[in-house]
């Protein structure tokens, strides 16, 4: 949450954590519990399927951005 906020992408915990759980259930994230601190924490990382899906999304996003740039040039 803090990292996202520092990148100007503030998101409430009540939105983020259900999304993380859903992505994990879909197989795009893996998680692991850390009990080294005073309270247990769950850490999420991209799974192999998640990396592949992210690559596809990045290509699609770049296509959308390119199209928007072309449209805005004509305004």
PDB file of N, CA and C in Angstrom:
ATOM      1  N   UNK A   1       0.837  -1.186   0.000  1.00  0.00           N
ATOM      2  CA  UNK A   1       0.000   0.000   0.000  1.00  0.00           C
ATOM      3  C   UNK A   1       0.881   1.248   0.000  1.00  0.00           C
ATOM      4  N   UNK A   2       1.931   1.238   0.817  1.00  0.00           N
ATOM      5  CA  UNK A   2       2.823   2.397   0.884  1.00  0.00           C
ATOM      6  C   UNK A   2       3.583   2.602  -0.422  1.00  0.00           C
ATOM      7  N   UNK A   3       4.042   1.513  -1.026  1.00  0.00           N
ATOM      8  CA  UNK A   3       4.763   1.623  -2.295  1.00  0.00           C
ATOM      9  C   UNK A   3       3.857   2.182  -3.389  1.00  0.00           C
ATOM     10  N   UNK A   4       2.624   1.677  -3.459  1.00  0.00           N
ATOM     11  CA  UNK A   4       1.689   2.193  -4.456  1.00  0.00           C
ATOM     12  C   UNK A   4       1.411   3.678  -4.229  1.00  0.00           C
ATOM     13  N   UNK A   5       1.217   4.073  -2.988  1.00  0.00           N
ATOM     14  CA  UNK A   5       0.957   5.483  -2.678  1.00  0.00           C
ATOM     15  C   UNK A   5       2.148   6.356  -3.066  1.00  0.00           C
ATOM     16  N   UNK A   6       3.355   5.842  -2.860  1.00  0.00           N
ATOM     17  CA  UNK A   6       4.546   6.623  -3.214  1.00  0.00           C
ATOM     18  C   UNK A   6       4.679   6.800  -4.724  1.00  0.00           C
ATOM     19  N   UNK A   7       4.001   5.952  -5.497  1.00  0.00           N
ATOM     20  CA  UNK A   7       4.009   6.052  -6.958  1.00  0.00           C
ATOM     21  C   UNK A   7       2.743   6.733  -7.478  1.00  0.00           C
ATOM     22  N   UNK A   8       2.077   7.488  -6.613  1.00  0.00           N
ATOM     23  CA  UNK A   8       0.847   8.213  -6.950  1.00  0.00           C
ATOM     24  C   UNK A   8      -0.285   7.290  -7.385  1.00  0.00           C
ATOM     25  N   UNK A   9      -0.351   6.118  -6.777  1.00  0.00           N
ATOM     26  CA  UNK A   9      -1.428   5.179  -7.056  1.00  0.00           C
ATOM     27  C   UNK A   9      -2.005   4.720  -5.719  1.00  0.00           C
ATOM     28  N   UNK A  10      -2.602   5.664  -5.025  1.00  0.00           N
ATOM     29  CA  UNK A  10      -3.171   5.358  -3.708  1.00  0.00           C
ATOM     30  C   UNK A  10      -4.341   4.401  -3.852  1.00  0.00           C
ATOM     31  N   UNK A  11      -4.329   3.364  -3.039  1.00  0.00           N
ATOM     32  CA  UNK A  11      -5.400   2.371  -3.066  1.00  0.00           C
ATOM     33  C   UNK A  11      -5.664   1.929  -1.633  1.00  0.00           C
ATOM     34  N   UNK A  12      -6.918   1.834  -1.301  1.00  0.00           N
ATOM     35  CA  UNK A  12      -7.309   1.461   0.051  1.00  0.00           C
ATOM     36  C   UNK A  12      -7.062  -0.031   0.282  1.00  0.00           C
ATOM     37  N   UNK A  13      -6.684  -0.387   1.491  1.00  0.00           N
ATOM     38  CA  UNK A  13      -6.435  -1.791   1.825  1.00  0.00           C
ATOM     39  C   UNK A  13      -7.665  -2.655   1.579  1.00  0.00           C
ATOM     40  N   UNK A  14      -8.838  -2.095   1.817  1.00  0.00           N
ATOM     41  CA  UNK A  14     -10.068  -2.874   1.627  1.00  0.00           C
ATOM     42  C   UNK A  14     -10.327  -3.181   0.146  1.00  0.00           C
ATOM     43  N   UNK A  15      -9.633  -2.485  -0.741  1.00  0.00           N
ATOM     44  CA  UNK A  15      -9.706  -2.769  -2.174  1.00  0.00           C
ATOM     45  C   UNK A  15      -8.568  -3.696  -2.591  1.00  0.00           C
ATOM     46  N   UNK A  16      -7.371  -3.422  -2.072  1.00  0.00           N
ATOM     47  CA  UNK A  16      -6.181  -4.141  -2.503  1.00  0.00           C
ATOM     48  C   UNK A  16      -6.178  -5.609  -2.095  1.00  0.00           C
ATOM     49  N   UNK A  17      -6.451  -5.901  -0.842  1.00  0.00           N
ATOM     50  CA  UNK A  17      -6.291  -7.274  -0.370  1.00  0.00           C
ATOM     51  C   UNK A  17      -7.300  -8.251  -0.969  1.00  0.00           C
ATOM     52  N   UNK A  18      -8.551  -7.871  -1.167  1.00  0.00           N
ATOM     53  CA  UNK A  18      -9.444  -8.792  -1.905  1.00  0.00           C
ATOM     54  C   UNK A  18      -8.956  -9.037  -3.336  1.00  0.00           C
ATOM     55  N   UNK A  19      -8.400  -8.007  -3.965  1.00  0.00           N
ATOM     56  CA  UNK A  19      -7.864  -8.160  -5.316  1.00  0.00           C
ATOM     57  C   UNK A  19      -6.680  -9.127  -5.317  1.00  0.00           C
ATOM     58  N   UNK A  20      -5.789  -8.994  -4.340  1.00  0.00           N
ATOM     59  CA  UNK A  20      -4.646  -9.909  -4.248  1.00  0.00           C
ATOM     60  C   UNK A  20      -5.112 -11.353  -4.047  1.00  0.00           C
ATOM     61  N   UNK A  21      -6.082 -11.546  -3.184  1.00  0.00           N
ATOM     62  CA  UNK A  21      -6.603 -12.901  -2.952  1.00  0.00           C
ATOM     63  C   UNK A  21      -7.244 -13.472  -4.216  1.00  0.00           C
ATOM     64  N   UNK A  22      -7.965 -12.632  -4.954  1.00  0.00           N
ATOM     65  CA  UNK A  22      -8.594 -13.084  -6.198  1.00  0.00           C
ATOM     66  C   UNK A  22      -7.537 -13.467  -7.234  1.00  0.00           C
ATOM     67  N   UNK A  23      -6.486 -12.659  -7.363  1.00  0.00           N
ATOM     68  CA  UNK A  23      -5.418 -12.969  -8.307  1.00  0.00           C
ATOM     69  C   UNK A  23      -4.687 -14.254  -7.911  1.00  0.00           C
ATOM     70  N   UNK A  24      -4.546 -14.476  -6.606  1.00  0.00           N
ATOM     71  CA  UNK A  24      -3.930 -15.715  -6.142  1.00  0.00           C
ATOM     72  C   UNK A  24      -4.821 -16.918  -6.481  1.00  0.00           C
ATOM     73  N   UNK A  25      -6.107 -16.777  -6.262  1.00  0.00           N
ATOM     74  CA  UNK A  25      -7.050 -17.854  -6.558  1.00  0.00           C
ATOM     75  C   UNK A  25      -7.048 -18.188  -8.049  1.00  0.00           C
ATOM     76  N   UNK A  26      -6.849 -17.173  -8.900  1.00  0.00           N
ATOM     77  CA  UNK A  26      -6.811 -17.371 -10.352  1.00  0.00           C
ATOM     78  C   UNK A  26      -5.466 -17.925 -10.815  1.00  0.00           C
ATOM     79  N   UNK A  27      -4.493 -18.006  -9.916  1.00  0.00           N
ATOM     80  CA  UNK A  27      -3.194 -18.571 -10.262  1.00  0.00           C
ATOM     81  C   UNK A  27      -2.164 -17.570 -10.741  1.00  0.00           C
ATOM     82  N   UNK A  28      -2.464 -16.283 -10.671  1.00  0.00           N
ATOM     83  CA  UNK A  28      -1.536 -15.261 -11.141  1.00  0.00           C
ATOM     84  C   UNK A  28      -0.540 -14.823 -10.070  1.00  0.00           C
ATOM     85  N   UNK A  29      -0.832 -15.119  -8.807  1.00  0.00           N
ATOM     86  CA  UNK A  29       0.056 -14.785  -7.694  1.00  0.00           C
ATOM     87  C   UNK A  29       0.299 -16.019  -6.848  1.00  0.00           C
ATOM     88  N   UNK A  30       1.471 -16.064  -6.237  1.00  0.00           N
ATOM     89  CA  UNK A  30       1.779 -17.033  -5.183  1.00  0.00           C
ATOM     90  C   UNK A  30       1.954 -16.235  -3.909  1.00  0.00           C
ATOM     91  N   UNK A  31       1.730 -16.874  -2.775  1.00  0.00           N
ATOM     92  CA  UNK A  31       1.907 -16.164  -1.511  1.00  0.00           C
ATOM     93  C   UNK A  31       2.676 -17.035  -0.533  1.00  0.00           C
ATOM     94  N   UNK A  32       3.244 -16.363   0.445  1.00  0.00           N
ATOM     95  CA  UNK A  32       3.996 -17.050   1.483  1.00  0.00           C
ATOM     96  C   UNK A  32       3.858 -16.247   2.772  1.00  0.00           C
ATOM     97  N   UNK A  33       3.701 -16.951   3.873  1.00  0.00           N
ATOM     98  CA  UNK A  33       3.588 -16.305   5.172  1.00  0.00           C
ATOM     99  C   UNK A  33       4.966 -16.129   5.781  1.00  0.00           C
ATOM    100  N   UNK A  34       5.205 -14.980   6.373  1.00  0.00           N
ATOM    101  CA  UNK A  34       6.423 -14.726   7.132  1.00  0.00           C
ATOM    102  C   UNK A  34       6.023 -14.516   8.589  1.00  0.00           C
ATOM    103  N   UNK A  35       6.640 -15.276   9.468  1.00  0.00           N
ATOM    104  CA  UNK A  35       6.335 -15.159  10.904  1.00  0.00           C
ATOM    105  C   UNK A  35       7.542 -14.632  11.666  1.00  0.00           C
ATOM    106  N   UNK A  36       8.460 -13.983  10.955  1.00  0.00           N
ATOM    107  CA  UNK A  36       9.685 -13.484  11.561  1.00  0.00           C
ATOM    108  C   UNK A  36       9.474 -12.222  12.383  1.00  0.00           C
ATOM    109  N   UNK A  37       8.436 -11.473  12.106  1.00  0.00           N
ATOM    110  CA  UNK A  37       8.171 -10.231  12.836  1.00  0.00           C
ATOM    111  C   UNK A  37       7.160 -10.500  13.943  1.00  0.00           C
ATOM    112  N   UNK A  38       6.750  -9.445  14.631  1.00  0.00           N
ATOM    113  CA  UNK A  38       5.842  -9.606  15.772  1.00  0.00           C
ATOM    114  C   UNK A  38       4.489 -10.186  15.376  1.00  0.00           C
ATOM    115  N   UNK A  39       4.046  -9.900  14.168  1.00  0.00           N
ATOM    116  CA  UNK A  39       2.800 -10.495  13.685  1.00  0.00           C
ATOM    117  C   UNK A  39       3.028 -11.095  12.305  1.00  0.00           C
ATOM    118  N   UNK A  40       2.367 -12.184  11.992  1.00  0.00           N
ATOM    119  CA  UNK A  40       2.562 -12.824  10.679  1.00  0.00           C
ATOM    120  C   UNK A  40       2.158 -11.884   9.537  1.00  0.00           C
ATOM    121  N   UNK A  41       2.904 -11.969   8.432  1.00  0.00           N
ATOM    122  CA  UNK A  41       2.612 -11.172   7.242  1.00  0.00           C
ATOM    123  C   UNK A  41       2.592 -12.088   6.030  1.00  0.00           C
ATOM    124  N   UNK A  42       1.694 -11.791   5.125  1.00  0.00           N
ATOM    125  CA  UNK A  42       1.582 -12.568   3.899  1.00  0.00           C
ATOM    126  C   UNK A  42       2.195 -11.760   2.765  1.00  0.00           C
ATOM    127  N   UNK A  43       3.116 -12.378   2.035  1.00  0.00           N
ATOM    128  CA  UNK A  43       3.783 -11.732   0.922  1.00  0.00           C
ATOM    129  C   UNK A  43       3.346 -12.392  -0.378  1.00  0.00           C
ATOM    130  N   UNK A  44       3.100 -11.563  -1.378  1.00  0.00           N
ATOM    131  CA  UNK A  44       2.645 -12.034  -2.684  1.00  0.00           C
ATOM    132  C   UNK A  44       3.731 -11.799  -3.730  1.00  0.00           C
ATOM    133  N   UNK A  45       3.869 -12.749  -4.653  1.00  0.00           N
ATOM    134  CA  UNK A  45       4.767 -12.606  -5.798  1.00  0.00           C
ATOM    135  C   UNK A  45       4.046 -13.138  -7.031  1.00  0.00           C
ATOM    136  N   UNK A  46       4.454 -12.645  -8.193  1.00  0.00           N
ATOM    137  CA  UNK A  46       3.877 -13.143  -9.438  1.00  0.00           C
ATOM    138  C   UNK A  46       4.238 -14.615  -9.630  1.00  0.00           C
ATOM    139  N   UNK A  47       3.276 -15.393 -10.025  1.00  0.00           N
ATOM    140  CA  UNK A  47       3.530 -16.785 -10.400  1.00  0.00           C
ATOM    141  C   UNK A  47       4.014 -16.790 -11.849  1.00  0.00           C
ATOM    142  N   UNK A  48       4.405 -17.946 -12.348  1.00  0.00           N
ATOM    143  CA  UNK A  48       4.805 -18.054 -13.751  1.00  0.00           C
ATOM    144  C   UNK A  48       3.642 -17.672 -14.664  1.00  0.00           C
ATOM    145  N   UNK A  49       2.431 -18.161 -14.338  1.00  0.00           N
ATOM    146  CA  UNK A  49       1.247 -17.769 -15.123  1.00  0.00           C
ATOM    147  C   UNK A  49       1.020 -16.266 -15.039  1.00  0.00           C
ATOM    148  N   UNK A  50       1.270 -15.687 -13.875  1.00  0.00           N
ATOM    149  CA  UNK A  50       1.111 -14.253 -13.696  1.00  0.00           C
ATOM    150  C   UNK A  50       2.083 -13.458 -14.546  1.00  0.00           C
ATOM    151  N   UNK A  51       3.322 -13.938 -14.635  1.00  0.00           N
ATOM    152  CA  UNK A  51       4.315 -13.258 -15.478  1.00  0.00           C
ATOM    153  C   UNK A  51       3.913 -13.311 -16.950  1.00  0.00           C
ATOM    154  N   UNK A  52       3.427 -14.468 -17.387  1.00  0.00           N
ATOM    155  CA  UNK A  52       3.003 -14.606 -18.780  1.00  0.00           C
ATOM    156  C   UNK A  52       1.807 -13.703 -19.079  1.00  0.00           C
ATOM    157  N   UNK A  53       0.854 -13.667 -18.164  1.00  0.00           N
ATOM    158  CA  UNK A  53      -0.323 -12.829 -18.356  1.00  0.00           C
ATOM    159  C   UNK A  53       0.047 -11.349 -18.341  1.00  0.00           C
ATOM    160  N   UNK A  54       0.948 -10.966 -17.444  1.00  0.00           N
ATOM    161  CA  UNK A  54       1.411  -9.580 -17.377  1.00  0.00           C
ATOM    162  C   UNK A  54       2.074  -9.171 -18.684  1.00  0.00           C
ATOM    163  N   UNK A  55       2.877 -10.056 -19.270  1.00  0.00           N
ATOM    164  CA  UNK A  55       3.523  -9.745 -20.551  1.00  0.00           C
ATOM    165  C   UNK A  55       2.474  -9.490 -21.629  1.00  0.00           C
ATOM    166  N   UNK A  56       1.430 -10.309 -21.658  1.00  0.00           N
ATOM    167  CA  UNK A  56       0.354 -10.112 -22.641  1.00  0.00           C
ATOM    168  C   UNK A  56      -0.379  -8.791 -22.391  1.00  0.00           C
ATOM    169  N   UNK A  57      -0.655  -8.502 -21.132  1.00  0.00           N
ATOM    170  CA  UNK A  57      -1.330  -7.244 -20.801  1.00  0.00           C
ATOM    171  C   UNK A  57      -0.474  -6.038 -21.179  1.00  0.00           C
ATOM    172  N   UNK A  58       0.840  -6.147 -20.986  1.00  0.00           N
ATOM    173  CA  UNK A  58       1.736  -5.035 -21.316  1.00  0.00           C
ATOM    174  C   UNK A  58       1.704  -4.749 -22.811  1.00  0.00           C
ATOM    175  N   UNK A  59       1.689  -5.790 -23.629  1.00  0.00           N
ATOM    176  CA  UNK A  59       1.611  -5.610 -25.088  1.00  0.00           C
ATOM    177  C   UNK A  59       0.295  -4.933 -25.455  1.00  0.00           C
ATOM    178  N   UNK A  60      -0.789  -5.398 -24.858  1.00  0.00           N
ATOM    179  CA  UNK A  60      -2.097  -4.800 -25.137  1.00  0.00           C
ATOM    180  C   UNK A  60      -2.146  -3.338 -24.687  1.00  0.00           C
ATOM    181  N   UNK A  61      -1.576  -3.062 -23.508  1.00  0.00           N
ATOM    182  CA  UNK A  61      -1.558  -1.692 -22.990  1.00  0.00           C
ATOM    183  C   UNK A  61      -0.767  -0.777 -23.924  1.00  0.00           C
ATOM    184  N   UNK A  62       0.386  -1.234 -24.389  1.00  0.00           N
ATOM    185  CA  UNK A  62       1.195  -0.422 -25.302  1.00  0.00           C
ATOM    186  C   UNK A  62       0.435  -0.128 -26.588  1.00  0.00           C
ATOM    187  N   UNK A  63      -0.342  -1.077 -27.065  1.00  0.00           N
ATOM    188  CA  UNK A  63      -1.153  -0.863 -28.258  1.00  0.00           C
ATOM    189  C   UNK A  63      -2.212   0.212 -28.004  1.00  0.00           C
ATOM    190  N   UNK A  64      -2.837   0.165 -26.847  1.00  0.00           N
ATOM    191  CA  UNK A  64      -3.843   1.172 -26.495  1.00  0.00           C
ATOM    192  C   UNK A  64      -3.205   2.549 -26.395  1.00  0.00           C
ATOM    193  N   UNK A  65      -2.039   2.633 -25.750  1.00  0.00           N
ATOM    194  CA  UNK A  65      -1.340   3.911 -25.606  1.00  0.00           C
ATOM    195  C   UNK A  65      -0.967   4.472 -26.970  1.00  0.00           C
ATOM    196  N   UNK A  66      -0.457   3.615 -27.852  1.00  0.00           N
ATOM    197  CA  UNK A  66      -0.091   4.051 -29.204  1.00  0.00           C
ATOM    198  C   UNK A  66      -1.307   4.587 -29.950  1.00  0.00           C
ATOM    199  N   UNK A  67      -2.433   3.903 -29.843  1.00  0.00           N
ATOM    200  CA  UNK A  67      -3.665   4.346 -30.501  1.00  0.00           C
ATOM    201  C   UNK A  67      -4.119   5.690 -29.936  1.00  0.00           C
ATOM    202  N   UNK A  68      -4.053   5.851 -28.628  1.00  0.00           N
ATOM    203  CA  UNK A  68      -4.459   7.113 -28.011  1.00  0.00           C
ATOM    204  C   UNK A  68      -3.549   8.256 -28.468  1.00  0.00           C
ATOM    205  N   UNK A  69      -2.250   8.003 -28.564  1.00  0.00           N
ATOM    206  CA  UNK A  69      -1.337   9.047 -29.046  1.00  0.00           C
ATOM    207  C   UNK A  69      -1.710   9.488 -30.466  1.00  0.00           C
ATOM    208  N   UNK A  70      -2.040   8.528 -31.314  1.00  0.00           N
ATOM    209  CA  UNK A  70      -2.436   8.858 -32.686  1.00  0.00           C
ATOM    210  C   UNK A  70      -3.718   9.670 -32.706  1.00  0.00           C
ATOM    211  N   UNK A  71      -4.671   9.298 -31.859  1.00  0.00           N
ATOM    212  CA  UNK A  71      -5.936  10.044 -31.794  1.00  0.00           C
ATOM    213  C   UNK A  71      -5.711  11.461 -31.277  1.00  0.00           C
ATOM    214  N   UNK A  72      -4.872  11.614 -30.284  1.00  0.00           N
ATOM    215  CA  UNK A  72      -4.631  12.935 -29.700  1.00  0.00           C
ATOM    216  C   UNK A  72      -3.841  13.853 -30.627  1.00  0.00           C
ATOM    217  N   UNK A  73      -3.052  13.294 -31.513  1.00  0.00           N
ATOM    218  CA  UNK A  73      -2.302  14.108 -32.475  1.00  0.00           C
ATOM    219  C   UNK A  73      -3.249  14.861 -33.410  1.00  0.00           C
ATOM    220  N   UNK A  74      -4.431  14.338 -33.624  1.00  0.00           N
ATOM    221  CA  UNK A  74      -5.376  14.918 -34.561  1.00  0.00           C
ATOM    222  C   UNK A  74      -6.345  15.892 -33.904  1.00  0.00           C
ATOM    223  N   UNK A  75      -6.147  16.172 -32.652  1.00  0.00           N
ATOM    224  CA  UNK A  75      -7.066  17.099 -31.960  1.00  0.00           C
ATOM    225  C   UNK A  75      -6.545  18.509 -32.048  1.00  0.00           C
TER     226      UNK A  75
END
